[in-house]
C-alpha atoms as a PDB file:
ATOM      1  CA  MET A   1      -0.031  -0.171  -0.080  1.00  0.00           C
ATOM      2  CA  GLN A   2       1.157   3.279  -0.968  1.00  0.00           C
ATOM      3  CA  PRO A   3      -1.190   5.833   0.219  1.00  0.00           C
ATOM      4  CA  GLN A   4       1.335   8.408   1.488  1.00  0.00           C
ATOM      5  CA  SER A   5       3.369   8.502  -1.429  1.00  0.00           C
ATOM      6  CA  SER A   6       5.186  11.649  -2.077  1.00  0.00           C
ATOM      7  CA  SER A   7       4.233  13.788  -4.980  1.00  0.00           C
ATOM      8  CA  PHE A   8       3.922  17.384  -5.680  1.00  0.00           C
ATOM      9  CA  SER A   9       0.878  18.978  -7.692  1.00  0.00           C
ATOM     10  CA  PHE A  10       1.169  22.026  -9.954  1.00  0.00           C
ATOM     11  CA  ILE A  11      -1.709  24.344 -11.770  1.00  0.00           C
ATOM     12  CA  ALA A  12      -4.509  23.068  -9.015  1.00  0.00           C
ATOM     13  CA  GLU A  13      -4.678  22.377  -5.741  1.00  0.00           C
ATOM     14  CA  LEU A  14      -5.462  18.989  -3.839  1.00  0.00           C
ATOM     15  CA  PRO A  15      -8.865  17.488  -3.356  1.00  0.00           C
ATOM     16  CA  ILE A  16     -10.198  18.603  -0.017  1.00  0.00           C
ATOM     17  CA  ASP A  17     -13.361  20.640   0.760  1.00  0.00           C
ATOM     18  CA  ALA A  18     -11.077  23.853   2.474  1.00  0.00           C
ATOM     19  CA  GLN A  19     -13.966  26.116   2.321  1.00  0.00           C
ATOM     20  CA  LYS A  20     -16.262  24.500   5.043  1.00  0.00           C
ATOM     21  CA  ASN A  21     -13.510  22.839   6.753  1.00  0.00           C
ATOM     22  CA  PRO A  22     -10.327  24.677   6.560  1.00  0.00           C
ATOM     23  CA  ASN A  23      -8.566  21.888   9.151  1.00  0.00           C
ATOM     24  CA  SER A  24      -8.920  19.337   5.803  1.00  0.00           C
ATOM     25  CA  VAL A  25      -5.769  21.704   4.614  1.00  0.00           C
ATOM     26  CA  TYR A  26      -3.361  19.807   6.838  1.00  0.00           C
ATOM     27  CA  ALA A  27      -5.333  16.844   8.149  1.00  0.00           C
ATOM     28  CA  PHE A  28      -5.310  14.835   4.987  1.00  0.00           C
ATOM     29  CA  GLY A  29      -1.775  15.925   3.842  1.00  0.00           C
ATOM     30  CA  SER A  30       0.152  12.614   4.646  1.00  0.00           C
ATOM     31  CA  TYR A  31      -2.611  10.811   2.662  1.00  0.00           C
ATOM     32  CA  LEU A  32      -3.303  13.436  -0.357  1.00  0.00           C
ATOM     33  CA  GLY A  33       0.328  14.110  -0.844  1.00  0.00           C
ATOM     34  CA  THR A  34       2.830  16.923  -1.088  1.00  0.00           C
ATOM     35  CA  GLY A  35       0.952  19.743  -2.456  1.00  0.00           C
ATOM     36  CA  VAL A  36      -0.487  23.325  -2.604  1.00  0.00           C
ATOM     37  CA  TYR A  37      -4.343  23.385  -0.360  1.00  0.00           C
ATOM     38  CA  ARG A  38      -6.329  26.572  -0.537  1.00  0.00           C
ATOM     39  CA  ALA A  39      -8.684  27.301   2.450  1.00  0.00           C
ATOM     40  CA  PRO A  40     -10.330  30.494   3.366  1.00  0.00           C
ATOM     41  CA  GLU A  41      -8.127  33.753   2.792  1.00  0.00           C
ATOM     42  CA  GLN A  42      -5.121  31.640   3.142  1.00  0.00           C
ATOM     43  CA  ASN A  43      -2.982  29.105   1.057  1.00  0.00           C
ATOM     44  CA  ALA A  44      -1.021  26.305   2.522  1.00  0.00           C
ATOM     45  CA  THR A  45       2.019  24.366   1.112  1.00  0.00           C
ATOM     46  CA  VAL A  46       2.162  20.842   2.727  1.00  0.00           C
ATOM     47  CA  VAL A  47       4.993  18.120   2.812  1.00  0.00           C
ATOM     48  CA  SER A  48       4.483  15.085   3.666  1.00  0.00           C
ATOM     49  CA  ILE A  49       7.335  12.525   4.596  1.00  0.00           C
ATOM     50  CA  PRO A  50       6.500   8.897   4.339  1.00  0.00           C
ATOM     51  CA  LEU A  51       8.538   7.101   7.282  1.00  0.00           C
ATOM     52  CA  THR A  52       8.158   3.335   7.721  1.00  0.00           C
ATOM     53  CA  PHE A  53      10.154   0.565   9.943  1.00  0.00           C
ATOM     54  CA  ASP A  54      10.297  -3.166   9.439  1.00  0.00           C
ATOM     55  CA  LEU A  55       8.678  -4.799  11.962  1.00  0.00           C
ATOM     56  CA  GLN A  56       8.513  -8.493  10.477  1.00  0.00           C
ATOM     57  CA  LYS A  57       9.695  -9.922   6.952  1.00  0.00           C
ATOM     58  CA  ASN A  58       9.896 -13.321   4.978  1.00  0.00           C
ATOM     59  CA  SER A  59       8.975 -14.579   1.710  1.00  0.00           C
ATOM     60  CA  GLU A  60       5.217 -14.707   2.392  1.00  0.00           C
ATOM     61  CA  SER A  61       4.716 -11.441   4.056  1.00  0.00           C
ATOM     62  CA  GLN A  62       6.116  -8.239   5.539  1.00  0.00           C
ATOM     63  CA  THR A  63       4.643  -5.880   8.378  1.00  0.00           C
ATOM     64  CA  TRP A  64       5.811  -1.597   8.865  1.00  0.00           C
ATOM     65  CA  ILE A  65       5.209   0.326  11.496  1.00  0.00           C
ATOM     66  CA  ARG A  66       4.519   3.611   9.609  1.00  0.00           C
ATOM     67  CA  LEU A  67       4.707   7.046  10.687  1.00  0.00           C
ATOM     68  CA  PRO A  68       3.292   9.521   8.165  1.00  0.00           C
ATOM     69  CA  LEU A  69       4.614  13.047   8.951  1.00  0.00           C
ATOM     70  CA  SER A  70       3.301  16.238   7.041  1.00  0.00           C
ATOM     71  CA  PHE A  71       4.098  19.798   7.812  1.00  0.00           C
ATOM     72  CA  GLY A  72       2.110  22.617   6.510  1.00  0.00           C
ATOM     73  CA  PHE A  73       3.647  26.167   5.629  1.00  0.00           C
ATOM     74  CA  PHE A  74       0.755  28.847   5.211  1.00  0.00           C
ATOM     75  CA  ASP A  75       1.045  31.392   2.213  1.00  0.00           C
ATOM     76  CA  TYR A  76       3.882  29.625   0.990  1.00  0.00           C
ATOM     77  CA  LEU A  77       3.404  28.464  -2.527  1.00  0.00           C
ATOM     78  CA  ALA A  78       5.684  26.842  -5.478  1.00  0.00           C
ATOM     79  CA  LYS A  79       6.527  29.952  -6.762  1.00  0.00           C
ATOM     80  CA  ASP A  80       8.538  30.628  -3.475  1.00  0.00           C
ATOM     81  CA  ILE A  81      10.476  27.416  -3.892  1.00  0.00           C
ATOM     82  CA  ALA A  82      11.047  28.393  -7.599  1.00  0.00           C
ATOM     83  CA  ASP A  83      12.420  31.550  -6.340  1.00  0.00           C
ATOM     84  CA  GLY A  84      14.551  30.266  -3.090  1.00  0.00           C
ATOM     85  CA  GLU A  85      12.600  31.573  -0.666  1.00  0.00           C
ATOM     86  CA  LEU A  86      12.367  29.554   2.720  1.00  0.00           C
ATOM     87  CA  PRO A  87       8.771  29.228   4.818  1.00  0.00           C
ATOM     88  CA  SER A  88       9.533  31.370   7.602  1.00  0.00           C
ATOM     89  CA  SER A  89       7.773  29.177  10.087  1.00  0.00           C
ATOM     90  CA  VAL A  90       5.979  25.799  10.379  1.00  0.00           C
ATOM     91  CA  GLY A  91       2.164  26.045  10.506  1.00  0.00           C
ATOM     92  CA  THR A  92       0.520  22.812  10.793  1.00  0.00           C
ATOM     93  CA  MET A  93       1.909  19.383  11.607  1.00  0.00           C
ATOM     94  CA  THR A  94       0.540  15.861  11.694  1.00  0.00           C
ATOM     95  CA  VAL A  95       1.330  12.644  12.931  1.00  0.00           C
ATOM     96  CA  THR A  96      -0.695   9.379  12.341  1.00  0.00           C
ATOM     97  CA  PRO A  97       1.311   6.545  13.214  1.00  0.00           C
ATOM     98  CA  GLY A  98      -0.111   3.079  12.357  1.00  0.00           C
ATOM     99  CA  VAL A  99       0.488  -0.953  10.908  1.00  0.00           C
ATOM    100  CA  GLU A 100       0.853  -1.991   7.037  1.00  0.00           C
ATOM    101  CA  HIS A 101       0.666  -5.109   6.261  1.00  0.00           C
ATOM    102  CA  HIS A 102       1.723  -7.247   2.818  1.00  0.00           C
ATOM    103  CA  TRP A 103       1.118 -10.962   2.122  1.00  0.00           C
ATOM    104  CA  HIS A 104       0.964 -13.239  -0.879  1.00  0.00           C
ATOM    105  CA  ALA A 105      -2.820 -14.354  -1.613  1.00  0.00           C
ATOM    106  CA  SER A 106      -1.422 -16.787  -4.141  1.00  0.00           C
ATOM    107  CA  GLU A 107       1.684 -16.863  -6.835  1.00  0.00           C
ATOM    108  CA  ASN A 108       0.591 -13.684  -8.620  1.00  0.00           C
ATOM    109  CA  GLN A 109      -1.502 -11.997  -6.283  1.00  0.00           C
ATOM    110  CA  ARG A 110      -0.779  -9.824  -3.133  1.00  0.00           C
ATOM    111  CA  MET A 111      -2.670  -7.913  -0.677  1.00  0.00           C
ATOM    112  CA  GLU A 112      -2.049  -4.916   1.476  1.00  0.00           C
ATOM    113  CA  VAL A 113      -3.991  -3.118   4.232  1.00  0.00           C
ATOM    114  CA  TYR A 114      -2.779  -0.362   6.600  1.00  0.00           C
ATOM    115  CA  LEU A 115      -4.713   1.330   9.685  1.00  0.00           C
ATOM    116  CA  ASP A 116      -3.448   4.363  10.700  1.00  0.00           C
ATOM    117  CA  LEU A 117      -4.731   6.398  14.017  1.00  0.00           C
ATOM    118  CA  GLY A 118      -2.861  10.001  15.233  1.00  0.00           C
ATOM    119  CA  PHE A 119      -3.242  13.630  15.384  1.00  0.00           C
ATOM    120  CA  GLY A 120      -2.955  17.135  13.795  1.00  0.00           C
ATOM    121  CA  THR A 121      -2.490  20.343  14.923  1.00  0.00           C
ATOM    122  CA  ASN A 122      -2.742  23.849  13.425  1.00  0.00           C
ATOM    123  CA  PHE A 123      -0.187  25.886  15.409  1.00  0.00           C
ATOM    124  CA  GLU A 124      -1.666  29.645  14.170  1.00  0.00           C
ATOM    125  CA  ALA A 125      -4.849  28.667  14.920  1.00  0.00           C
ATOM    126  CA  SER A 126      -4.213  26.478  18.172  1.00  0.00           C
ATOM    127  CA  THR A 127      -6.684  23.571  17.232  1.00  0.00           C
ATOM    128  CA  ASN A 128      -6.447  20.173  16.970  1.00  0.00           C
ATOM    129  CA  VAL A 129      -7.825  17.376  15.332  1.00  0.00           C
ATOM    130  CA  ALA A 130      -7.482  13.250  15.546  1.00  0.00           C
ATOM    131  CA  ILE A 131      -7.122  11.441  12.375  1.00  0.00           C
ATOM    132  CA  LEU A 132      -7.966   7.832  11.684  1.00  0.00           C
ATOM    133  CA  ALA A 133      -7.042   6.485   8.032  1.00  0.00           C
ATOM    134  CA  THR A 134      -7.174   2.854   6.245  1.00  0.00           C
ATOM    135  CA  GLY A 135      -7.195   1.127   2.914  1.00  0.00           C
ATOM    136  CA  VAL A 136      -7.093  -2.181   1.729  1.00  0.00           C
ATOM    137  CA  SER A 137      -5.291  -2.984  -1.995  1.00  0.00           C
ATOM    138  CA  HIS A 138      -4.875  -6.057  -4.139  1.00  0.00           C
ATOM    139  CA  LEU A 139      -2.148  -6.373  -6.549  1.00  0.00           C
ATOM    140  CA  TYR A 140      -1.945  -8.533  -9.801  1.00  0.00           C
ATOM    141  CA  ASP A 141       1.451  -9.435 -11.581  1.00  0.00           C
ATOM    142  CA  PHE A 142       1.599 -10.155 -14.706  1.00  0.00           C
ATOM    143  CA  SER A 143       3.910 -10.397 -17.910  1.00  0.00           C
ATOM    144  CA  PHE A 144       3.259  -7.571 -20.461  1.00  0.00           C
ATOM    145  CA  ALA A 145       5.917  -7.602 -23.440  1.00  0.00           C
ATOM    146  CA  GLY A 146       8.190 -10.308 -21.430  1.00  0.00           C
ATOM    147  CA  GLU A 147       8.295  -7.058 -18.565  1.00  0.00           C
ATOM    148  CA  ASP A 148       6.922  -7.220 -15.467  1.00  0.00           C
ATOM    149  CA  SER A 149       3.648  -5.487 -14.740  1.00  0.00           C
ATOM    150  CA  VAL A 150       1.016  -4.994 -12.067  1.00  0.00           C
ATOM    151  CA  TRP A 151      -2.869  -4.328 -12.123  1.00  0.00           C
ATOM    152  CA  VAL A 152      -3.550  -2.502  -8.944  1.00  0.00           C
ATOM    153  CA  SER A 153      -6.901  -1.928  -7.369  1.00  0.00           C
ATOM    154  CA  ARG A 154      -7.188   0.454  -3.928  1.00  0.00           C
ATOM    155  CA  LEU A 155      -9.685   1.615  -1.759  1.00  0.00           C
ATOM    156  CA  ASN A 156      -8.590   4.408   0.747  1.00  0.00           C
ATOM    157  CA  PHE A 157     -10.467   6.326   3.710  1.00  0.00           C
ATOM    158  CA  ALA A 158      -9.253   9.066   5.511  1.00  0.00           C
ATOM    159  CA  GLY A 159     -11.224  11.070   8.460  1.00  0.00           C
ATOM    160  CA  TYR A 160     -10.609  13.770  10.903  1.00  0.00           C
ATOM    161  CA  SER A 161     -12.589  14.712  14.023  1.00  0.00           C
ATOM    162  CA  GLU A 162     -12.511  17.759  15.706  1.00  0.00           C
ATOM    163  CA  LYS A 163     -14.956  16.986  18.676  1.00  0.00           C
ATOM    164  CA  ILE A 164     -15.371  13.338  20.200  1.00  0.00           C
ATOM    165  CA  ASN A 165     -17.750  11.362  18.478  1.00  0.00           C
ATOM    166  CA  LYS A 166     -18.248  13.425  15.647  1.00  0.00           C
ATOM    167  CA  VAL A 167     -16.599  13.384  11.995  1.00  0.00           C
ATOM    168  CA  THR A 168     -16.092  16.512  10.682  1.00  0.00           C
ATOM    169  CA  ASP A 169     -14.499  15.596   6.794  1.00  0.00           C
ATOM    170  CA  GLN A 170     -13.593  12.435   5.326  1.00  0.00           C
ATOM    171  CA  PHE A 171     -12.467  11.191   1.797  1.00  0.00           C
ATOM    172  CA  ALA A 172     -13.068   7.963   0.489  1.00  0.00           C
ATOM    173  CA  VAL A 173     -11.637   7.205  -3.200  1.00  0.00           C
ATOM    174  CA  LEU A 174     -11.255   3.978  -5.430  1.00  0.00           C
ATOM    175  CA  GLN A 175      -8.816   3.557  -7.679  1.00  0.00           C
ATOM    176  CA  THR A 176      -7.314   1.411  -9.857  1.00  0.00           C
ATOM    177  CA  GLY A 177      -4.646   1.422 -12.605  1.00  0.00           C
ATOM    178  CA  VAL A 178      -1.568  -0.708 -14.168  1.00  0.00           C
ATOM    179  CA  ASP A 179       2.093  -0.014 -14.046  1.00  0.00           C
ATOM    180  CA  ILE A 180       4.189  -1.408 -17.100  1.00  0.00           C
ATOM    181  CA  GLY A 181       7.442  -1.960 -17.243  1.00  0.00           C
ATOM    182  CA  LEU A 182       9.751  -1.142 -20.329  1.00  0.00           C
ATOM    183  CA  SER A 183      12.487  -3.346 -21.909  1.00  0.00           C
ATOM    184  CA  PRO A 184      15.249  -0.850 -21.802  1.00  0.00           C
ATOM    185  CA  ARG A 185      17.143  -0.555 -18.140  1.00  0.00           C
ATOM    186  CA  TRP A 186      20.536   0.778 -17.360  1.00  0.00           C
ATOM    187  CA  GLN A 187      22.929   0.827 -14.047  1.00  0.00           C
ATOM    188  CA  TRP A 188      23.967   4.106 -12.755  1.00  0.00           C
ATOM    189  CA  ARG A 189      26.176   3.098  -9.401  1.00  0.00           C
ATOM    190  CA  ASN A 190      25.185  -0.191  -8.075  1.00  0.00           C
ATOM    191  CA  ILE A 191      21.201   0.638  -9.091  1.00  0.00           C
ATOM    192  CA  GLN A 192      19.233  -0.930 -12.004  1.00  0.00           C
ATOM    193  CA  VAL A 193      17.168   1.856 -13.308  1.00  0.00           C
ATOM    194  CA  GLN A 194      13.796   0.773 -15.770  1.00  0.00           C
ATOM    195  CA  PRO A 195      11.524   3.217 -17.203  1.00  0.00           C
ATOM    196  CA  ARG A 196       7.939   2.403 -16.449  1.00  0.00           C
ATOM    197  CA  LEU A 197       4.588   3.571 -17.742  1.00  0.00           C
ATOM    198  CA  PHE A 198       1.225   3.893 -15.813  1.00  0.00           C
ATOM    199  CA  ALA A 199      -2.525   4.749 -15.992  1.00  0.00           C
ATOM    200  CA  ALA A 200      -4.905   5.090 -13.470  1.00  0.00           C
ATOM    201  CA  ALA A 201      -8.478   5.986 -12.803  1.00  0.00           C
ATOM    202  CA  TYR A 202      -9.897   7.541  -9.572  1.00  0.00           C
ATOM    203  CA  TRP A 203     -13.661   7.444  -8.502  1.00  0.00           C
ATOM    204  CA  TYR A 204     -14.417   9.877  -4.856  1.00  0.00           C
ATOM    205  CA  PHE A 205     -17.344   8.570  -2.999  1.00  0.00           C
ATOM    206  CA  ASN A 206     -18.078  11.932  -2.102  1.00  0.00           C
ATOM    207  CA  GLU A 207     -17.551  15.042  -4.973  1.00  0.00           C
ATOM    208  CA  LEU A 208     -13.777  16.782  -3.866  1.00  0.00           C
ATOM    209  CA  ASP A 209     -13.046  20.396  -4.591  1.00  0.00           C
ATOM    210  CA  PHE A 210     -10.051  21.114  -6.419  1.00  0.00           C
ATOM    211  CA  SER A 211     -10.799  24.773  -7.070  1.00  0.00           C
ATOM    212  CA  GLN A 212      -7.925  27.003  -7.883  1.00  0.00           C
ATOM    213  CA  TYR A 213      -9.305  30.174  -6.487  1.00  0.00           C
ATOM    214  CA  LYS A 214     -11.790  31.178  -3.606  1.00  0.00           C
ATOM    215  CA  GLU A 215     -14.658  32.413  -6.133  1.00  0.00           C
ATOM    216  CA  ASP A 216     -14.044  29.239  -8.413  1.00  0.00           C
ATOM    217  CA  GLN A 217     -15.855  25.790  -7.568  1.00  0.00           C
ATOM    218  CA  ASN A 218     -14.530  22.696  -9.237  1.00  0.00           C
ATOM    219  CA  LEU A 219     -16.186  19.678  -8.172  1.00  0.00           C
ATOM    220  CA  VAL A 220     -14.607  15.997  -9.030  1.00  0.00           C
ATOM    221  CA  SER A 221     -16.242  13.034  -8.987  1.00  0.00           C
ATOM    222  CA  GLY A 222     -13.721  10.831 -11.003  1.00  0.00           C
ATOM    223  CA  SER A 223     -10.347  11.562 -12.994  1.00  0.00           C
ATOM    224  CA  ILE A 224      -7.830   9.839 -14.713  1.00  0.00           C
ATOM    225  CA  GLU A 225      -3.955   9.811 -14.818  1.00  0.00           C
ATOM    226  CA  MET A 226      -1.289   8.939 -16.862  1.00  0.00           C
ATOM    227  CA  GLY A 227       2.642   9.051 -16.476  1.00  0.00           C
ATOM    228  CA  VAL A 228       5.911   8.024 -16.788  1.00  0.00           C
ATOM    229  CA  THR A 229       8.586   6.842 -13.918  1.00  0.00           C
ATOM    230  CA  LEU A 230      12.289   5.515 -13.414  1.00  0.00           C
ATOM    231  CA  ALA A 231      12.071   2.588 -11.329  1.00  0.00           C
ATOM    232  CA  PHE A 232      15.081   1.740  -8.754  1.00  0.00           C
ATOM    233  CA  SER A 233      16.170  -1.097  -7.786  1.00  0.00           C
ATOM    234  CA  LYS A 234      16.634  -0.220  -4.218  1.00  0.00           C
ATOM    235  CA  PRO A 235      16.035   2.967  -2.341  1.00  0.00           C
ATOM    236  CA  ILE A 236      18.200   6.039  -3.187  1.00  0.00           C
ATOM    237  CA  ILE A 237      19.136   8.884  -1.067  1.00  0.00           C
ATOM    238  CA  ILE A 238      17.943   7.608   2.643  1.00  0.00           C
ATOM    239  CA  GLU A 239      16.281   4.046   2.272  1.00  0.00           C
ATOM    240  CA  MET A 240      13.718   4.622   5.478  1.00  0.00           C
ATOM    241  CA  PHE A 241      12.324   7.856   2.757  1.00  0.00           C
ATOM    242  CA  GLY A 242      11.732   5.306   0.273  1.00  0.00           C
ATOM    243  CA  ILE A 243      12.378   7.003  -2.351  1.00  0.00           C
ATOM    244  CA  ASP A 244      12.581   4.212  -5.356  1.00  0.00           C
ATOM    245  CA  ARG A 245      10.795   5.876  -8.014  1.00  0.00           C
ATOM    246  CA  PHE A 246      11.038   9.438  -9.827  1.00  0.00           C
ATOM    247  CA  GLY A 247       8.644  10.295 -12.707  1.00  0.00           C
ATOM    248  CA  ILE A 248       6.079  13.039 -13.411  1.00  0.00           C
ATOM    249  CA  SER A 249       2.412  12.559 -14.523  1.00  0.00           C
ATOM    250  CA  TYR A 250      -1.021  14.326 -15.749  1.00  0.00           C
ATOM    251  CA  ARG A 251      -4.451  13.881 -14.364  1.00  0.00           C
ATOM    252  CA  THR A 252      -7.527  15.287 -15.672  1.00  0.00           C
ATOM    253  CA  GLY A 253     -11.488  14.844 -15.521  1.00  0.00           C
ATOM    254  CA  ASP A 254     -14.588  16.959 -14.376  1.00  0.00           C
ATOM    255  CA  GLY A 255     -12.739  20.211 -15.724  1.00  0.00           C
ATOM    256  CA  LEU A 256      -9.134  18.929 -13.284  1.00  0.00           C
ATOM    257  CA  ASP A 257      -5.805  20.122 -14.961  1.00  0.00           C
ATOM    258  CA  ILE A 258      -2.971  18.658 -12.846  1.00  0.00           C
ATOM    259  CA  TRP A 259       0.508  17.683 -13.096  1.00  0.00           C
ATOM    260  CA  ARG A 260       2.430  15.698 -10.734  1.00  0.00           C
ATOM    261  CA  LEU A 261       5.991  15.022  -9.981  1.00  0.00           C
ATOM    262  CA  LEU A 262       6.372  11.380  -8.354  1.00  0.00           C
ATOM    263  CA  PHE A 263       8.777  10.057  -5.892  1.00  0.00           C
ATOM    264  CA  SER A 264       7.097   6.405  -5.360  1.00  0.00           C
ATOM    265  CA  PHE A 265       5.112   3.852  -6.648  1.00  0.00           C
ATOM    266  CA  PRO A 266       2.440   6.057  -8.599  1.00  0.00           C
ATOM    267  CA  ILE A 267      -0.729   4.011  -7.881  1.00  0.00           C
END
């Protein structure tokens, strides 16, 4: 399961109902990915760090301790990064520890589940939220033109609460797609690199607002995404950050227009 995969979105914001529930700006940051979020009268750039630590591993299954972290910086946008400007302070933080388990259902089929429970805080507004997230995935391995490929289907849910026994905001998404390996491979230092293509479709159980400006409203019930990545035989830079891919993708649907930079498995 890769619900916390790192990515950066250009042009439009990520799917949150920030007008009605401004705490969604940061509460879902670890699951929607790094990007520029909009809330009333304010923008926030959220950076997600998907930390994992091995708990158990053998040939048939693997279990991790998950520690997704995200940090938000108010009124700090992509152009500020391009200009080399650094944020002056951290506006929000979320910590959602959990457990993730993978196992082989058959020779070509794998299953993945995760459960996270944590909290988020807005330092500027002095507010706190409780966060719950869970998901299940099915992966089918197959060969396409002699190269290893995988068909992925995922169901993910995340919700947060500002008060006990009351869900303030939530989202659920069903996604499916294929990731196909290409023949050219090369060696970089001691790492094998392979180009890969992917395509995915997303269905949101509640319409999500991808609006770029306060006066606009762009409700999205579904989208499709296509892209290309370079897959590394082992994580690069720092292993615990799990950067095993690098690529770019384009997502569209219901007026959506998003380019993403990818740093892990894209589906």
